[in-house]
Amino acid sequence: MRASRALRRELERRNLGTRFRSRMFPAFALYMPSTHKKVVVRKMDRDSVNGYLAPANFVREGKLELLNTAGNVVAVELRDIKVVYFVREFGEIEATARKTFTTRPRTEGLWVRLRFKDNETMEGLMPNDLSCNLPEGFLINPPDLRSNTQRMFVPRSALQSFTVLAVIGATRRARRGVPADSGQVPMFGE
């Protein structure tokens, strides 16, 4: 896998086209390491770009670095992006995606509602952990995990509002002012 990264960097440095790479190294055109995930980047102007992203450190200097399906590295400004969909297969993502939960989610995390600048509303789940939040945006699980979309990255610049609807799976604490149950017999010398 390291050899393929070094090869890709060298070919990009020499600015050799995809045709050359696929002719010279046929496996290079077909091989994609498992560390790259399929994504569909939907822009604010409703245009979309298909490609591959490294799941960690994909935002650099306010730009999303993406390897498109032609094999070229493309940098897209975050302010131009509405949502980045991590998908199983390339194709139409909006036709089948459910944008809200039908009932209260059961998975642990924060149930959030996102309102975009174009007044589109979407719900999702995100981890209840501040260390998982990126400064550039939010990683969110969609309402229907069985659909083509597995996860979404939403830049902060695309949002009009961000609302936490509920904290799911939080530990319950004893209420203040409620006396302990005196009907219970102490056990084991408590």
C-alpha atoms as a PDB file:
ATOM      1  CA  MET A   1       0.000   0.000   0.000  1.00  0.00           C
ATOM      2  CA  ARG A   2       2.870   2.382   0.716  1.00  0.00           C
ATOM      3  CA  ALA A   3       4.314   1.659  -2.691  1.00  0.00           C
ATOM      4  CA  SER A   4       1.062   2.675  -4.385  1.00  0.00           C
ATOM      5  CA  ARG A   5       0.946   5.965  -2.435  1.00  0.00           C
ATOM      6  CA  ALA A   6       4.542   6.723  -3.344  1.00  0.00           C
ATOM      7  CA  LEU A   7       3.828   5.828  -6.962  1.00  0.00           C
ATOM      8  CA  ARG A   8       0.741   8.060  -7.025  1.00  0.00           C
ATOM      9  CA  ARG A   9       2.691  10.968  -5.521  1.00  0.00           C
ATOM     10  CA  GLU A  10       5.516  10.543  -8.017  1.00  0.00           C
ATOM     11  CA  LEU A  11       3.103  10.420 -10.958  1.00  0.00           C
ATOM     12  CA  GLU A  12       1.281  13.511  -9.673  1.00  0.00           C
ATOM     13  CA  ARG A  13       4.611  15.276  -9.204  1.00  0.00           C
ATOM     14  CA  ARG A  14       5.530  14.518 -12.782  1.00  0.00           C
ATOM     15  CA  ASN A  15       2.004  15.603 -13.777  1.00  0.00           C
ATOM     16  CA  LEU A  16       1.380  12.485 -15.816  1.00  0.00           C
ATOM     17  CA  GLY A  17      -2.182  11.890 -16.951  1.00  0.00           C
ATOM     18  CA  THR A  18      -4.534   9.106 -15.957  1.00  0.00           C
ATOM     19  CA  ARG A  19      -4.280   7.514 -19.407  1.00  0.00           C
ATOM     20  CA  PHE A  20      -0.557   7.008 -18.927  1.00  0.00           C
ATOM     21  CA  ARG A  21      -1.036   5.549 -15.476  1.00  0.00           C
ATOM     22  CA  SER A  22      -3.701   3.075 -16.548  1.00  0.00           C
ATOM     23  CA  ARG A  23      -1.683   2.024 -19.631  1.00  0.00           C
ATOM     24  CA  MET A  24       1.609   1.734 -17.779  1.00  0.00           C
ATOM     25  CA  PHE A  25       0.202   0.338 -14.525  1.00  0.00           C
ATOM     26  CA  PRO A  26      -3.181  -1.327 -15.225  1.00  0.00           C
ATOM     27  CA  ALA A  27      -3.613  -2.415 -11.610  1.00  0.00           C
ATOM     28  CA  PHE A  28      -3.085   1.180 -10.481  1.00  0.00           C
ATOM     29  CA  ALA A  29      -6.258   2.343 -12.211  1.00  0.00           C
ATOM     30  CA  LEU A  30      -8.348  -0.372 -10.570  1.00  0.00           C
ATOM     31  CA  TYR A  31      -6.692  -0.627  -7.167  1.00  0.00           C
ATOM     32  CA  MET A  32      -7.861   1.634  -4.379  1.00  0.00           C
ATOM     33  CA  PRO A  33      -6.570   1.014  -0.869  1.00  0.00           C
ATOM     34  CA  SER A  34      -9.106   0.291   1.823  1.00  0.00           C
ATOM     35  CA  THR A  35      -8.118   3.504   3.600  1.00  0.00           C
ATOM     36  CA  HIS A  36      -9.912   5.519   0.922  1.00  0.00           C
ATOM     37  CA  LYS A  37     -13.696   5.766   1.164  1.00  0.00           C
ATOM     38  CA  LYS A  38     -16.149   6.416  -1.640  1.00  0.00           C
ATOM     39  CA  VAL A  39     -17.750   9.846  -1.349  1.00  0.00           C
ATOM     40  CA  VAL A  40     -20.208  12.024  -3.200  1.00  0.00           C
ATOM     41  CA  VAL A  41     -19.538  15.713  -2.587  1.00  0.00           C
ATOM     42  CA  ARG A  42     -22.666  17.814  -3.042  1.00  0.00           C
ATOM     43  CA  LYS A  43     -21.921  21.476  -3.598  1.00  0.00           C
ATOM     44  CA  MET A  44     -24.082  24.484  -2.766  1.00  0.00           C
ATOM     45  CA  ASP A  45     -24.934  24.948  -6.444  1.00  0.00           C
ATOM     46  CA  ARG A  46     -26.403  21.376  -6.522  1.00  0.00           C
ATOM     47  CA  ASP A  47     -23.453  20.096  -8.555  1.00  0.00           C
ATOM     48  CA  SER A  48     -21.817  16.915  -7.253  1.00  0.00           C
ATOM     49  CA  VAL A  49     -18.400  15.270  -7.512  1.00  0.00           C
ATOM     50  CA  ASN A  50     -17.699  11.552  -7.015  1.00  0.00           C
ATOM     51  CA  GLY A  51     -14.376  10.421  -5.636  1.00  0.00           C
ATOM     52  CA  TYR A  52     -12.359   8.894  -2.844  1.00  0.00           C
ATOM     53  CA  LEU A  53     -11.344  10.402   0.487  1.00  0.00           C
ATOM     54  CA  ALA A  54      -8.998   9.376   3.248  1.00  0.00           C
ATOM     55  CA  PRO A  55     -11.232   9.076   6.326  1.00  0.00           C
ATOM     56  CA  ALA A  56      -8.776  11.020   8.490  1.00  0.00           C
ATOM     57  CA  ASN A  57      -7.326  14.451   7.702  1.00  0.00           C
ATOM     58  CA  PHE A  58      -9.348  15.039   4.552  1.00  0.00           C
ATOM     59  CA  VAL A  59      -9.626  18.794   5.203  1.00  0.00           C
ATOM     60  CA  ARG A  60      -6.470  20.833   4.706  1.00  0.00           C
ATOM     61  CA  GLU A  61      -6.230  24.625   4.778  1.00  0.00           C
ATOM     62  CA  GLY A  62      -9.972  25.118   4.295  1.00  0.00           C
ATOM     63  CA  LYS A  63     -10.156  22.729   1.343  1.00  0.00           C
ATOM     64  CA  LEU A  64     -11.400  19.179   0.960  1.00  0.00           C
ATOM     65  CA  GLU A  65      -8.788  17.035  -0.778  1.00  0.00           C
ATOM     66  CA  LEU A  66     -10.418  14.382  -2.914  1.00  0.00           C
ATOM     67  CA  LEU A  67      -9.207  11.845  -5.455  1.00  0.00           C
ATOM     68  CA  ASN A  68     -11.826  11.940  -8.210  1.00  0.00           C
ATOM     69  CA  THR A  69     -12.855   8.896 -10.238  1.00  0.00           C
ATOM     70  CA  ALA A  70     -10.467   9.912 -13.040  1.00  0.00           C
ATOM     71  CA  GLY A  71      -7.531   9.626 -10.627  1.00  0.00           C
ATOM     72  CA  ASN A  72      -6.802  13.347 -10.212  1.00  0.00           C
ATOM     73  CA  VAL A  73      -6.478  15.073  -6.852  1.00  0.00           C
ATOM     74  CA  VAL A  74      -9.083  17.825  -6.567  1.00  0.00           C
ATOM     75  CA  ALA A  75      -9.235  20.482  -3.842  1.00  0.00           C
ATOM     76  CA  VAL A  76     -12.737  21.837  -3.185  1.00  0.00           C
ATOM     77  CA  GLU A  77     -13.292  24.885  -0.964  1.00  0.00           C
ATOM     78  CA  LEU A  78     -15.332  24.077   2.169  1.00  0.00           C
ATOM     79  CA  ARG A  79     -17.506  27.145   1.659  1.00  0.00           C
ATOM     80  CA  ASP A  80     -18.671  25.643  -1.676  1.00  0.00           C
ATOM     81  CA  ILE A  81     -19.656  22.288  -0.122  1.00  0.00           C
ATOM     82  CA  LYS A  82     -23.067  21.509   1.299  1.00  0.00           C
ATOM     83  CA  VAL A  83     -22.598  17.843   2.330  1.00  0.00           C
ATOM     84  CA  VAL A  84     -20.040  15.110   1.798  1.00  0.00           C
ATOM     85  CA  TYR A  85     -21.758  11.710   1.671  1.00  0.00           C
ATOM     86  CA  PHE A  86     -19.678   8.621   2.490  1.00  0.00           C
ATOM     87  CA  VAL A  87     -21.415   6.007   0.333  1.00  0.00           C
ATOM     88  CA  ARG A  88     -21.304   2.293  -0.408  1.00  0.00           C
ATOM     89  CA  GLU A  89     -21.648   2.766  -4.178  1.00  0.00           C
ATOM     90  CA  PHE A  90     -21.638   5.798  -6.449  1.00  0.00           C
ATOM     91  CA  GLY A  91     -25.029   6.826  -7.762  1.00  0.00           C
ATOM     92  CA  GLU A  92     -28.018   8.955  -6.898  1.00  0.00           C
ATOM     93  CA  ILE A  93     -28.052   9.635  -3.154  1.00  0.00           C
ATOM     94  CA  GLU A  94     -31.073  11.850  -2.670  1.00  0.00           C
ATOM     95  CA  ALA A  95     -33.744   9.647  -4.215  1.00  0.00           C
ATOM     96  CA  THR A  96     -33.574   6.969  -1.520  1.00  0.00           C
ATOM     97  CA  ALA A  97     -32.205   8.820   1.494  1.00  0.00           C
ATOM     98  CA  ARG A  98     -34.570   9.487   4.369  1.00  0.00           C
ATOM     99  CA  LYS A  99     -33.810  12.886   5.900  1.00  0.00           C
ATOM    100  CA  THR A 100     -35.557  12.552   9.276  1.00  0.00           C
ATOM    101  CA  PHE A 101     -36.108   9.826  11.845  1.00  0.00           C
ATOM    102  CA  THR A 102     -39.585   8.249  11.899  1.00  0.00           C
ATOM    103  CA  THR A 103     -39.295   7.506  15.635  1.00  0.00           C
ATOM    104  CA  ARG A 104     -36.858   8.302  18.417  1.00  0.00           C
ATOM    105  CA  PRO A 105     -33.466   6.748  17.569  1.00  0.00           C
ATOM    106  CA  ARG A 106     -32.195   3.900  19.749  1.00  0.00           C
ATOM    107  CA  THR A 107     -28.495   4.312  19.056  1.00  0.00           C
ATOM    108  CA  GLU A 108     -26.494   6.199  21.673  1.00  0.00           C
ATOM    109  CA  GLY A 109     -25.415   9.743  20.789  1.00  0.00           C
ATOM    110  CA  LEU A 110     -26.768  13.203  20.038  1.00  0.00           C
ATOM    111  CA  TRP A 111     -29.911  13.433  17.935  1.00  0.00           C
ATOM    112  CA  VAL A 112     -29.414  16.616  15.911  1.00  0.00           C
ATOM    113  CA  ARG A 113     -31.347  18.657  13.363  1.00  0.00           C
ATOM    114  CA  LEU A 114     -29.438  20.579  10.719  1.00  0.00           C
ATOM    115  CA  ARG A 115     -30.926  23.484   8.801  1.00  0.00           C
ATOM    116  CA  PHE A 116     -28.901  24.461   5.756  1.00  0.00           C
ATOM    117  CA  LYS A 117     -28.625  27.921   4.238  1.00  0.00           C
ATOM    118  CA  ASP A 118     -31.074  26.902   1.497  1.00  0.00           C
ATOM    119  CA  ASN A 119     -33.651  25.986   4.245  1.00  0.00           C
ATOM    120  CA  GLU A 120     -33.331  22.239   3.697  1.00  0.00           C
ATOM    121  CA  THR A 121     -33.662  20.302   6.970  1.00  0.00           C
ATOM    122  CA  MET A 122     -31.924  17.040   7.835  1.00  0.00           C
ATOM    123  CA  GLU A 123     -31.606  14.974  11.010  1.00  0.00           C
ATOM    124  CA  GLY A 124     -28.871  12.654  12.146  1.00  0.00           C
ATOM    125  CA  LEU A 125     -26.927  11.152  15.021  1.00  0.00           C
ATOM    126  CA  MET A 126     -23.471  12.156  16.116  1.00  0.00           C
ATOM    127  CA  PRO A 127     -21.254  10.917  18.964  1.00  0.00           C
ATOM    128  CA  ASN A 128     -21.653  12.594  22.332  1.00  0.00           C
ATOM    129  CA  ASP A 129     -17.902  13.243  22.501  1.00  0.00           C
ATOM    130  CA  LEU A 130     -16.238  16.592  21.883  1.00  0.00           C
ATOM    131  CA  SER A 131     -13.009  14.961  20.744  1.00  0.00           C
ATOM    132  CA  CYS A 132     -14.861  13.497  17.722  1.00  0.00           C
ATOM    133  CA  ASN A 133     -15.961  16.935  16.447  1.00  0.00           C
ATOM    134  CA  LEU A 134     -13.865  18.538  13.755  1.00  0.00           C
ATOM    135  CA  PRO A 135     -13.333  22.320  13.800  1.00  0.00           C
ATOM    136  CA  GLU A 136     -14.404  22.519  10.123  1.00  0.00           C
ATOM    137  CA  GLY A 137     -17.684  20.635  10.480  1.00  0.00           C
ATOM    138  CA  PHE A 138     -19.635  17.684  11.825  1.00  0.00           C
ATOM    139  CA  LEU A 139     -19.550  13.943  11.091  1.00  0.00           C
ATOM    140  CA  ILE A 140     -23.116  12.674  11.264  1.00  0.00           C
ATOM    141  CA  ASN A 141     -24.777   9.285  10.864  1.00  0.00           C
ATOM    142  CA  PRO A 142     -27.917   9.425   8.689  1.00  0.00           C
ATOM    143  CA  PRO A 143     -31.374   8.298   9.880  1.00  0.00           C
ATOM    144  CA  ASP A 144     -31.363   5.200   7.654  1.00  0.00           C
ATOM    145  CA  LEU A 145     -28.082   3.289   7.972  1.00  0.00           C
ATOM    146  CA  ARG A 146     -29.302   0.615   5.537  1.00  0.00           C
ATOM    147  CA  SER A 147     -29.333   3.119   2.684  1.00  0.00           C
ATOM    148  CA  ASN A 148     -26.422   3.857   0.369  1.00  0.00           C
ATOM    149  CA  THR A 149     -25.217   6.707   2.624  1.00  0.00           C
ATOM    150  CA  GLN A 150     -23.175   5.473   5.581  1.00  0.00           C
ATOM    151  CA  ARG A 151     -22.030   8.798   7.041  1.00  0.00           C
ATOM    152  CA  MET A 152     -22.080  12.503   6.234  1.00  0.00           C
ATOM    153  CA  PHE A 153     -19.661  15.364   6.749  1.00  0.00           C
ATOM    154  CA  VAL A 154     -21.373  18.745   6.982  1.00  0.00           C
ATOM    155  CA  PRO A 155     -19.171  21.872   6.957  1.00  0.00           C
ATOM    156  CA  ARG A 156     -20.119  24.536   9.485  1.00  0.00           C
ATOM    157  CA  SER A 157     -20.229  27.124   6.698  1.00  0.00           C
ATOM    158  CA  ALA A 158     -23.162  25.296   5.041  1.00  0.00           C
ATOM    159  CA  LEU A 159     -25.412  25.512   8.104  1.00  0.00           C
ATOM    160  CA  GLN A 160     -27.945  28.120   9.093  1.00  0.00           C
ATOM    161  CA  SER A 161     -28.756  26.402  12.410  1.00  0.00           C
ATOM    162  CA  PHE A 162     -27.716  23.333  14.384  1.00  0.00           C
ATOM    163  CA  THR A 163     -30.105  22.012  17.053  1.00  0.00           C
ATOM    164  CA  VAL A 164     -29.593  19.155  19.517  1.00  0.00           C
ATOM    165  CA  LEU A 165     -32.986  17.444  19.833  1.00  0.00           C
ATOM    166  CA  ALA A 166     -32.059  14.839  22.456  1.00  0.00           C
ATOM    167  CA  VAL A 167     -29.218  13.056  24.173  1.00  0.00           C
ATOM    168  CA  ILE A 168     -29.809   9.355  23.608  1.00  0.00           C
ATOM    169  CA  GLY A 169     -28.388   6.765  25.977  1.00  0.00           C
ATOM    170  CA  ALA A 170     -27.197   9.106  28.705  1.00  0.00           C
ATOM    171  CA  THR A 171     -26.912   7.692  32.203  1.00  0.00           C
ATOM    172  CA  ARG A 172     -29.781   8.650  34.426  1.00  0.00           C
ATOM    173  CA  ARG A 173     -28.956  10.444  37.631  1.00  0.00           C
ATOM    174  CA  ALA A 174     -30.949  10.458  40.823  1.00  0.00           C
ATOM    175  CA  ARG A 175     -33.343  13.369  41.052  1.00  0.00           C
ATOM    176  CA  ARG A 176     -32.726  16.028  43.634  1.00  0.00           C
ATOM    177  CA  GLY A 177     -35.141  16.159  46.536  1.00  0.00           C
ATOM    178  CA  VAL A 178     -36.431  12.618  45.992  1.00  0.00           C
ATOM    179  CA  PRO A 179     -35.817  10.507  49.110  1.00  0.00           C
ATOM    180  CA  ALA A 180     -34.190   7.107  48.770  1.00  0.00           C
ATOM    181  CA  ASP A 181     -36.542   4.152  48.824  1.00  0.00           C
ATOM    182  CA  SER A 182     -36.873   3.252  52.518  1.00  0.00           C
ATOM    183  CA  GLY A 183     -38.867   0.105  51.729  1.00  0.00           C
ATOM    184  CA  GLN A 184     -35.768  -1.700  50.503  1.00  0.00           C
ATOM    185  CA  VAL A 185     -33.985  -3.820  53.080  1.00  0.00           C
ATOM    186  CA  PRO A 186     -30.194  -3.107  53.187  1.00  0.00           C
ATOM    187  CA  MET A 187     -28.096  -6.010  51.973  1.00  0.00           C
ATOM    188  CA  PHE A 188     -24.504  -7.062  52.605  1.00  0.00           C
ATOM    189  CA  GLY A 189     -23.909  -4.537  55.367  1.00  0.00           C
ATOM    190  CA  GLU A 190     -24.408  -1.410  53.295  1.00  0.00           C
END
